[in-house]
Amino acid sequence: MAAPLRPDDRRGLDAAIAEARLGREEGGIPIGSALMIDGEIVGRGHNRRVQRGSVVLHAEMDCLENAGRLPASAYARATLYTTLSPCDMCTGAALLYGIPKIVIGENVTFVGGESYLADRGVETVVADDAECVAMMRDFIAAEPELWNEDIGED
């Protein structure tokens, strides 16, 4: 079992969970994300591939877009929160912007680029959050075709 999160990390992950719930309520995939810098949430987002007909609007990408343009010095102090292990695209975005820490809600239903992030010096914390796991398990059971489309499988 994962260690308890620090208060700021719990707050960041809770914001990501709220985004995931919102995404599902909109008919999309329940994955959410938040970006925190110096204790302040500066961006939030959720997977909007279905809602926007997008091929790239994963939660982390939506969150970064919503945070707006930031200098490299801001990203260097940031933590990215995501309800699900980040895919290769979202892993690449985090690396591109030099985000030093990612808090992951769960990696039971999907394991993304965590090893690559760690190899590149990014601190990764897996919260093993029961709500994150339940949201994804329920979604995958209800809509396996949409889930496979999201992760690039047939």
N, C-alpha and C. Protein backbone atom coordinates (compact mmCIF):
# COMPACT_ATOMS: atom_id res chain seq x y z
N MET A 1 0.84 -1.18 0.00
CA MET A 1 0.00 0.00 0.00
C MET A 1 0.89 1.24 0.00
N ALA A 2 0.43 2.26 -0.71
CA ALA A 2 1.19 3.50 -0.81
C ALA A 2 1.14 4.27 0.50
N ALA A 3 2.20 5.04 0.73
CA ALA A 3 2.25 5.90 1.92
C ALA A 3 1.23 7.03 1.77
N PRO A 4 0.75 7.57 2.88
CA PRO A 4 -0.18 8.71 2.79
C PRO A 4 0.48 9.88 2.08
N LEU A 5 -0.33 10.63 1.34
CA LEU A 5 0.18 11.79 0.61
C LEU A 5 0.36 12.98 1.54
N ARG A 6 1.32 13.83 1.21
CA ARG A 6 1.45 15.11 1.91
C ARG A 6 0.19 15.93 1.64
N PRO A 7 -0.15 16.89 2.51
CA PRO A 7 -1.39 17.66 2.33
C PRO A 7 -1.52 18.33 0.96
N ASP A 8 -0.46 18.98 0.46
CA ASP A 8 -0.55 19.60 -0.87
C ASP A 8 -0.78 18.56 -1.95
N ASP A 9 -0.12 17.41 -1.81
CA ASP A 9 -0.31 16.36 -2.81
C ASP A 9 -1.72 15.80 -2.76
N ARG A 10 -2.29 15.68 -1.57
CA ARG A 10 -3.68 15.21 -1.46
C ARG A 10 -4.62 16.21 -2.11
N ARG A 11 -4.37 17.49 -1.88
CA ARG A 11 -5.19 18.55 -2.46
C ARG A 11 -5.09 18.54 -3.99
N GLY A 12 -3.89 18.35 -4.51
CA GLY A 12 -3.70 18.29 -5.96
C GLY A 12 -4.38 17.08 -6.57
N LEU A 13 -4.23 15.93 -5.92
CA LEU A 13 -4.88 14.73 -6.45
C LEU A 13 -6.39 14.85 -6.34
N ASP A 14 -6.89 15.43 -5.26
CA ASP A 14 -8.34 15.63 -5.14
C ASP A 14 -8.88 16.51 -6.26
N ALA A 15 -8.13 17.53 -6.65
CA ALA A 15 -8.54 18.38 -7.78
C ALA A 15 -8.59 17.56 -9.07
N ALA A 16 -7.60 16.68 -9.26
CA ALA A 16 -7.59 15.82 -10.44
C ALA A 16 -8.78 14.85 -10.43
N ILE A 17 -9.10 14.31 -9.25
CA ILE A 17 -10.25 13.41 -9.13
C ILE A 17 -11.55 14.14 -9.47
N ALA A 18 -11.69 15.38 -9.00
CA ALA A 18 -12.89 16.16 -9.33
C ALA A 18 -12.99 16.36 -10.84
N GLU A 19 -11.87 16.59 -11.50
CA GLU A 19 -11.86 16.74 -12.95
C GLU A 19 -12.26 15.43 -13.63
N ALA A 20 -11.78 14.30 -13.11
CA ALA A 20 -12.14 13.01 -13.70
C ALA A 20 -13.64 12.77 -13.60
N ARG A 21 -14.22 13.09 -12.45
CA ARG A 21 -15.68 12.95 -12.28
C ARG A 21 -16.42 13.82 -13.29
N LEU A 22 -15.95 15.05 -13.46
CA LEU A 22 -16.58 15.97 -14.41
C LEU A 22 -16.51 15.41 -15.83
N GLY A 23 -15.36 14.88 -16.19
CA GLY A 23 -15.21 14.29 -17.52
C GLY A 23 -16.20 13.16 -17.76
N ARG A 24 -16.39 12.33 -16.77
CA ARG A 24 -17.34 11.22 -16.92
C ARG A 24 -18.78 11.74 -17.01
N GLU A 25 -19.09 12.75 -16.19
CA GLU A 25 -20.44 13.35 -16.25
C GLU A 25 -20.73 13.94 -17.63
N GLU A 26 -19.69 14.39 -18.32
CA GLU A 26 -19.84 14.95 -19.67
C GLU A 26 -19.92 13.86 -20.73
N GLY A 27 -19.83 12.60 -20.33
CA GLY A 27 -19.86 11.49 -21.28
C GLY A 27 -18.50 11.06 -21.77
N GLY A 28 -17.46 11.56 -21.13
CA GLY A 28 -16.09 11.23 -21.55
C GLY A 28 -15.43 10.21 -20.65
N ILE A 29 -14.13 10.16 -20.75
CA ILE A 29 -13.31 9.18 -20.04
C ILE A 29 -12.90 9.78 -18.70
N PRO A 30 -13.08 9.05 -17.60
CA PRO A 30 -12.84 9.63 -16.27
C PRO A 30 -11.38 9.68 -15.83
N ILE A 31 -10.65 10.55 -16.49
CA ILE A 31 -9.25 10.78 -16.12
C ILE A 31 -9.10 12.29 -15.93
N GLY A 32 -8.52 12.69 -14.80
CA GLY A 32 -8.36 14.11 -14.51
C GLY A 32 -6.93 14.44 -14.15
N SER A 33 -6.62 15.74 -14.18
CA SER A 33 -5.27 16.19 -13.91
C SER A 33 -5.30 17.60 -13.31
N ALA A 34 -4.26 17.93 -12.57
CA ALA A 34 -4.08 19.28 -12.03
C ALA A 34 -2.58 19.58 -12.01
N LEU A 35 -2.25 20.85 -12.12
CA LEU A 35 -0.86 21.30 -12.07
C LEU A 35 -0.74 22.28 -10.91
N MET A 36 0.20 22.02 -10.00
CA MET A 36 0.41 22.87 -8.84
C MET A 36 1.82 23.44 -8.87
N ILE A 37 1.91 24.74 -8.60
CA ILE A 37 3.20 25.42 -8.50
C ILE A 37 3.21 26.20 -7.20
N ASP A 38 4.20 25.95 -6.37
CA ASP A 38 4.35 26.66 -5.10
C ASP A 38 3.06 26.63 -4.27
N GLY A 39 2.41 25.47 -4.24
CA GLY A 39 1.22 25.30 -3.41
C GLY A 39 -0.08 25.82 -4.02
N GLU A 40 -0.02 26.35 -5.23
CA GLU A 40 -1.22 26.89 -5.89
C GLU A 40 -1.55 26.06 -7.13
N ILE A 41 -2.80 25.66 -7.25
CA ILE A 41 -3.24 24.95 -8.45
C ILE A 41 -3.40 25.99 -9.56
N VAL A 42 -2.59 25.84 -10.60
CA VAL A 42 -2.58 26.81 -11.70
C VAL A 42 -3.25 26.29 -12.96
N GLY A 43 -3.57 25.01 -12.97
CA GLY A 43 -4.24 24.43 -14.12
C GLY A 43 -4.95 23.15 -13.72
N ARG A 44 -6.06 22.91 -14.38
CA ARG A 44 -6.86 21.70 -14.16
C ARG A 44 -7.38 21.25 -15.52
N GLY A 45 -7.60 19.97 -15.65
CA GLY A 45 -8.18 19.48 -16.91
C GLY A 45 -8.62 18.05 -16.79
N HIS A 46 -9.35 17.61 -17.79
CA HIS A 46 -9.78 16.22 -17.84
C HIS A 46 -9.77 15.75 -19.29
N ASN A 47 -9.78 14.45 -19.44
CA ASN A 47 -9.78 13.86 -20.77
C ASN A 47 -11.02 14.35 -21.51
N ARG A 48 -10.80 15.02 -22.65
CA ARG A 48 -11.90 15.58 -23.44
C ARG A 48 -11.88 15.06 -24.88
N ARG A 49 -11.29 13.90 -25.08
CA ARG A 49 -11.22 13.36 -26.44
C ARG A 49 -12.61 13.19 -27.02
N VAL A 50 -13.53 12.64 -26.23
CA VAL A 50 -14.89 12.40 -26.72
C VAL A 50 -15.63 13.72 -26.88
N GLN A 51 -15.58 14.56 -25.86
CA GLN A 51 -16.34 15.80 -25.86
C GLN A 51 -15.93 16.74 -26.99
N ARG A 52 -14.64 16.78 -27.30
CA ARG A 52 -14.14 17.70 -28.32
C ARG A 52 -13.79 17.02 -29.64
N GLY A 53 -13.96 15.70 -29.72
CA GLY A 53 -13.58 14.99 -30.92
C GLY A 53 -12.09 15.11 -31.19
N SER A 54 -11.29 15.12 -30.12
CA SER A 54 -9.86 15.36 -30.22
C SER A 54 -9.08 14.04 -30.17
N VAL A 55 -7.95 14.03 -30.84
CA VAL A 55 -7.08 12.86 -30.76
C VAL A 55 -6.03 13.01 -29.67
N VAL A 56 -5.84 14.21 -29.13
CA VAL A 56 -4.75 14.44 -28.18
C VAL A 56 -5.19 14.99 -26.82
N LEU A 57 -6.45 15.26 -26.61
CA LEU A 57 -6.85 15.94 -25.38
C LEU A 57 -7.00 14.99 -24.21
N HIS A 58 -5.90 14.36 -23.84
CA HIS A 58 -5.85 13.59 -22.60
C HIS A 58 -5.90 14.59 -21.43
N ALA A 59 -6.15 14.10 -20.24
CA ALA A 59 -6.31 14.97 -19.07
C ALA A 59 -5.09 15.85 -18.84
N GLU A 60 -3.90 15.26 -18.92
CA GLU A 60 -2.69 16.03 -18.66
C GLU A 60 -2.48 17.11 -19.71
N MET A 61 -2.80 16.80 -20.95
CA MET A 61 -2.66 17.78 -22.03
C MET A 61 -3.65 18.92 -21.84
N ASP A 62 -4.89 18.59 -21.46
CA ASP A 62 -5.91 19.60 -21.19
C ASP A 62 -5.49 20.49 -20.02
N CYS A 63 -4.95 19.88 -18.99
CA CYS A 63 -4.49 20.62 -17.82
C CYS A 63 -3.38 21.60 -18.19
N LEU A 64 -2.38 21.13 -18.93
CA LEU A 64 -1.28 22.00 -19.33
C LEU A 64 -1.78 23.14 -20.21
N GLU A 65 -2.70 22.83 -21.11
CA GLU A 65 -3.29 23.86 -21.96
C GLU A 65 -4.02 24.90 -21.12
N ASN A 66 -4.77 24.44 -20.14
CA ASN A 66 -5.54 25.36 -19.29
C ASN A 66 -4.66 26.18 -18.36
N ALA A 67 -3.48 25.68 -18.05
CA ALA A 67 -2.54 26.45 -17.22
C ALA A 67 -1.96 27.64 -18.00
N GLY A 68 -1.98 27.54 -19.31
CA GLY A 68 -1.46 28.63 -20.15
C GLY A 68 0.05 28.59 -20.26
N ARG A 69 0.57 29.54 -20.99
CA ARG A 69 2.02 29.61 -21.20
C ARG A 69 2.70 29.99 -19.89
N LEU A 70 3.69 29.21 -19.54
CA LEU A 70 4.45 29.44 -18.31
C LEU A 70 5.94 29.40 -18.64
N PRO A 71 6.75 30.14 -17.90
CA PRO A 71 8.20 30.07 -18.13
C PRO A 71 8.76 28.75 -17.60
N ALA A 72 9.89 28.37 -18.11
CA ALA A 72 10.54 27.13 -17.68
C ALA A 72 10.76 27.11 -16.17
N SER A 73 11.04 28.27 -15.59
CA SER A 73 11.28 28.33 -14.15
C SER A 73 10.03 27.95 -13.35
N ALA A 74 8.84 28.18 -13.89
CA ALA A 74 7.61 27.78 -13.21
C ALA A 74 7.44 26.26 -13.28
N TYR A 75 7.64 25.70 -14.46
CA TYR A 75 7.52 24.24 -14.59
C TYR A 75 8.52 23.52 -13.69
N ALA A 76 9.69 24.11 -13.50
CA ALA A 76 10.73 23.48 -12.67
C ALA A 76 10.32 23.37 -11.21
N ARG A 77 9.27 24.09 -10.80
CA ARG A 77 8.77 24.05 -9.42
C ARG A 77 7.40 23.35 -9.35
N ALA A 78 6.98 22.75 -10.43
CA ALA A 78 5.62 22.22 -10.54
C ALA A 78 5.52 20.76 -10.14
N THR A 79 4.31 20.40 -9.76
CA THR A 79 3.93 19.00 -9.61
C THR A 79 2.69 18.78 -10.46
N LEU A 80 2.72 17.72 -11.25
CA LEU A 80 1.58 17.34 -12.08
C LEU A 80 0.85 16.20 -11.40
N TYR A 81 -0.45 16.34 -11.26
CA TYR A 81 -1.30 15.31 -10.64
C TYR A 81 -2.16 14.69 -11.72
N THR A 82 -2.27 13.38 -11.70
CA THR A 82 -3.09 12.69 -12.67
C THR A 82 -3.74 11.49 -12.00
N THR A 83 -4.98 11.23 -12.34
CA THR A 83 -5.68 10.12 -11.70
C THR A 83 -5.21 8.77 -12.20
N LEU A 84 -4.55 8.75 -13.35
CA LEU A 84 -4.11 7.50 -13.96
C LEU A 84 -2.68 7.65 -14.46
N SER A 85 -1.94 6.57 -14.41
CA SER A 85 -0.57 6.56 -14.92
C SER A 85 -0.52 7.21 -16.30
N PRO A 86 0.39 8.16 -16.53
CA PRO A 86 0.39 8.90 -17.79
C PRO A 86 0.86 8.06 -18.97
N CYS A 87 0.16 8.22 -20.09
CA CYS A 87 0.53 7.53 -21.33
C CYS A 87 1.84 8.11 -21.86
N ASP A 88 2.32 7.56 -22.95
CA ASP A 88 3.57 8.03 -23.54
C ASP A 88 3.50 9.50 -23.97
N MET A 89 2.36 9.92 -24.53
CA MET A 89 2.23 11.31 -24.97
C MET A 89 2.31 12.26 -23.78
N CYS A 90 1.59 11.94 -22.71
CA CYS A 90 1.56 12.82 -21.54
C CYS A 90 2.88 12.76 -20.77
N THR A 91 3.51 11.60 -20.77
CA THR A 91 4.85 11.47 -20.20
C THR A 91 5.80 12.40 -20.94
N GLY A 92 5.73 12.39 -22.27
CA GLY A 92 6.59 13.24 -23.08
C GLY A 92 6.37 14.71 -22.81
N ALA A 93 5.11 15.12 -22.62
CA ALA A 93 4.82 16.53 -22.33
C ALA A 93 5.44 16.93 -20.99
N ALA A 94 5.30 16.08 -20.00
CA ALA A 94 5.89 16.37 -18.68
C ALA A 94 7.40 16.51 -18.78
N LEU A 95 8.02 15.63 -19.56
CA LEU A 95 9.47 15.70 -19.74
C LEU A 95 9.87 16.94 -20.53
N LEU A 96 9.11 17.26 -21.57
CA LEU A 96 9.41 18.42 -22.40
C LEU A 96 9.45 19.69 -21.57
N TYR A 97 8.51 19.83 -20.64
CA TYR A 97 8.44 21.04 -19.83
C TYR A 97 9.23 20.95 -18.53
N GLY A 98 9.90 19.84 -18.31
CA GLY A 98 10.78 19.73 -17.14
C GLY A 98 10.06 19.68 -15.81
N ILE A 99 8.88 19.09 -15.79
CA ILE A 99 8.12 18.97 -14.54
C ILE A 99 8.82 17.91 -13.69
N PRO A 100 9.28 18.27 -12.48
CA PRO A 100 10.11 17.35 -11.71
C PRO A 100 9.37 16.29 -10.89
N LYS A 101 8.05 16.44 -10.72
CA LYS A 101 7.32 15.50 -9.87
C LYS A 101 5.94 15.25 -10.45
N ILE A 102 5.54 13.97 -10.45
CA ILE A 102 4.19 13.59 -10.88
C ILE A 102 3.60 12.69 -9.81
N VAL A 103 2.39 13.04 -9.37
CA VAL A 103 1.64 12.21 -8.43
C VAL A 103 0.55 11.52 -9.22
N ILE A 104 0.55 10.20 -9.15
CA ILE A 104 -0.33 9.34 -9.95
C ILE A 104 -1.37 8.71 -9.03
N GLY A 105 -2.63 8.89 -9.37
CA GLY A 105 -3.70 8.32 -8.55
C GLY A 105 -3.66 6.81 -8.49
N GLU A 106 -3.48 6.19 -9.65
CA GLU A 106 -3.42 4.73 -9.69
C GLU A 106 -2.73 4.24 -10.94
N ASN A 107 -2.14 3.04 -10.81
CA ASN A 107 -1.52 2.38 -11.96
C ASN A 107 -1.90 0.90 -12.00
N VAL A 108 -3.08 0.60 -11.45
CA VAL A 108 -3.59 -0.77 -11.44
C VAL A 108 -4.23 -1.10 -12.79
N THR A 109 -5.05 -0.17 -13.31
CA THR A 109 -5.77 -0.43 -14.55
C THR A 109 -4.94 -0.11 -15.79
N PHE A 110 -3.89 0.68 -15.64
CA PHE A 110 -3.03 1.04 -16.76
C PHE A 110 -1.69 1.52 -16.23
N VAL A 111 -0.61 1.02 -16.82
CA VAL A 111 0.73 1.49 -16.49
C VAL A 111 1.30 2.18 -17.72
N GLY A 112 1.58 3.45 -17.57
CA GLY A 112 2.12 4.23 -18.67
C GLY A 112 3.62 4.38 -18.58
N GLY A 113 4.10 5.62 -18.68
CA GLY A 113 5.52 5.89 -18.78
C GLY A 113 6.26 6.08 -17.47
N GLU A 114 5.79 5.48 -16.41
CA GLU A 114 6.41 5.70 -15.10
C GLU A 114 7.89 5.34 -15.06
N SER A 115 8.26 4.22 -15.62
CA SER A 115 9.68 3.82 -15.61
C SER A 115 10.53 4.82 -16.37
N TYR A 116 10.02 5.27 -17.50
CA TYR A 116 10.75 6.25 -18.30
C TYR A 116 10.90 7.56 -17.54
N LEU A 117 9.84 7.99 -16.87
CA LEU A 117 9.91 9.20 -16.05
C LEU A 117 10.98 9.05 -14.97
N ALA A 118 10.96 7.93 -14.27
CA ALA A 118 11.94 7.70 -13.20
C ALA A 118 13.36 7.67 -13.77
N ASP A 119 13.53 7.01 -14.93
CA ASP A 119 14.85 6.97 -15.57
C ASP A 119 15.35 8.36 -15.93
N ARG A 120 14.44 9.27 -16.18
CA ARG A 120 14.79 10.65 -16.55
C ARG A 120 14.84 11.58 -15.34
N GLY A 121 14.74 11.02 -14.14
CA GLY A 121 14.91 11.81 -12.92
C GLY A 121 13.66 12.45 -12.37
N VAL A 122 12.50 12.10 -12.91
CA VAL A 122 11.24 12.66 -12.41
C VAL A 122 10.80 11.85 -11.20
N GLU A 123 10.50 12.55 -10.11
CA GLU A 123 9.96 11.88 -8.93
C GLU A 123 8.52 11.46 -9.23
N THR A 124 8.24 10.18 -9.08
CA THR A 124 6.88 9.70 -9.30
C THR A 124 6.36 9.10 -8.00
N VAL A 125 5.15 9.51 -7.65
CA VAL A 125 4.49 9.02 -6.45
C VAL A 125 3.19 8.38 -6.89
N VAL A 126 3.01 7.11 -6.56
CA VAL A 126 1.76 6.42 -6.87
C VAL A 126 0.93 6.35 -5.60
N ALA A 127 -0.23 6.99 -5.63
CA ALA A 127 -1.08 7.09 -4.44
C ALA A 127 -1.88 5.82 -4.17
N ASP A 128 -2.06 4.98 -5.19
CA ASP A 128 -2.88 3.78 -5.04
C ASP A 128 -4.25 4.16 -4.46
N ASP A 129 -4.87 5.18 -5.06
CA ASP A 129 -6.13 5.72 -4.58
C ASP A 129 -7.30 4.85 -5.02
N ALA A 130 -8.08 4.40 -4.05
CA ALA A 130 -9.19 3.47 -4.32
C ALA A 130 -10.24 4.09 -5.24
N GLU A 131 -10.53 5.38 -5.08
CA GLU A 131 -11.53 6.01 -5.94
C GLU A 131 -11.04 6.07 -7.39
N CYS A 132 -9.77 6.35 -7.59
CA CYS A 132 -9.22 6.38 -8.95
C CYS A 132 -9.33 5.00 -9.61
N VAL A 133 -8.99 3.97 -8.85
CA VAL A 133 -9.08 2.60 -9.38
C VAL A 133 -10.53 2.27 -9.72
N ALA A 134 -11.45 2.56 -8.82
CA ALA A 134 -12.86 2.23 -9.03
C ALA A 134 -13.43 2.96 -10.25
N MET A 135 -13.09 4.26 -10.40
CA MET A 135 -13.59 5.01 -11.56
C MET A 135 -13.17 4.35 -12.86
N MET A 136 -11.89 3.97 -12.94
CA MET A 136 -11.39 3.38 -14.18
C MET A 136 -11.93 1.97 -14.40
N ARG A 137 -11.99 1.17 -13.37
CA ARG A 137 -12.55 -0.18 -13.53
C ARG A 137 -13.99 -0.12 -14.01
N ASP A 138 -14.79 0.76 -13.40
CA ASP A 138 -16.18 0.90 -13.80
C ASP A 138 -16.28 1.37 -15.25
N PHE A 139 -15.46 2.34 -15.62
CA PHE A 139 -15.49 2.85 -16.99
C PHE A 139 -15.06 1.78 -17.99
N ILE A 140 -13.97 1.09 -17.72
CA ILE A 140 -13.47 0.07 -18.65
C ILE A 140 -14.50 -1.04 -18.83
N ALA A 141 -15.17 -1.43 -17.75
CA ALA A 141 -16.21 -2.47 -17.85
C ALA A 141 -17.39 -1.97 -18.67
N ALA A 142 -17.75 -0.71 -18.53
CA ALA A 142 -18.91 -0.16 -19.23
C ALA A 142 -18.63 0.16 -20.69
N GLU A 143 -17.40 0.61 -20.99
CA GLU A 143 -17.08 1.07 -22.34
C GLU A 143 -15.71 0.61 -22.80
N PRO A 144 -15.52 -0.70 -22.95
CA PRO A 144 -14.18 -1.20 -23.31
C PRO A 144 -13.69 -0.71 -24.68
N GLU A 145 -14.59 -0.52 -25.63
CA GLU A 145 -14.17 -0.06 -26.96
C GLU A 145 -13.61 1.37 -26.88
N LEU A 146 -14.28 2.22 -26.14
CA LEU A 146 -13.82 3.60 -26.00
C LEU A 146 -12.49 3.64 -25.25
N TRP A 147 -12.34 2.80 -24.23
CA TRP A 147 -11.08 2.74 -23.50
C TRP A 147 -9.95 2.30 -24.42
N ASN A 148 -10.19 1.26 -25.21
CA ASN A 148 -9.14 0.78 -26.12
C ASN A 148 -8.77 1.85 -27.15
N GLU A 149 -9.75 2.61 -27.62
CA GLU A 149 -9.46 3.71 -28.53
C GLU A 149 -8.56 4.74 -27.87
N ASP A 150 -8.85 5.05 -26.60
CA ASP A 150 -8.08 6.07 -25.89
C ASP A 150 -6.62 5.68 -25.72
N ILE A 151 -6.36 4.39 -25.50
CA ILE A 151 -4.98 3.96 -25.28
C ILE A 151 -4.33 3.40 -26.55
N GLY A 152 -5.03 3.52 -27.68
CA GLY A 152 -4.44 3.14 -28.95
C GLY A 152 -4.42 1.66 -29.22
N GLU A 153 -5.39 0.94 -28.71
CA GLU A 153 -5.47 -0.51 -28.96
C GLU A 153 -6.75 -0.82 -29.72
N ASP A 154 -6.74 -1.96 -30.39
CA ASP A 154 -7.95 -2.41 -31.12
C ASP A 154 -8.85 -3.22 -30.24
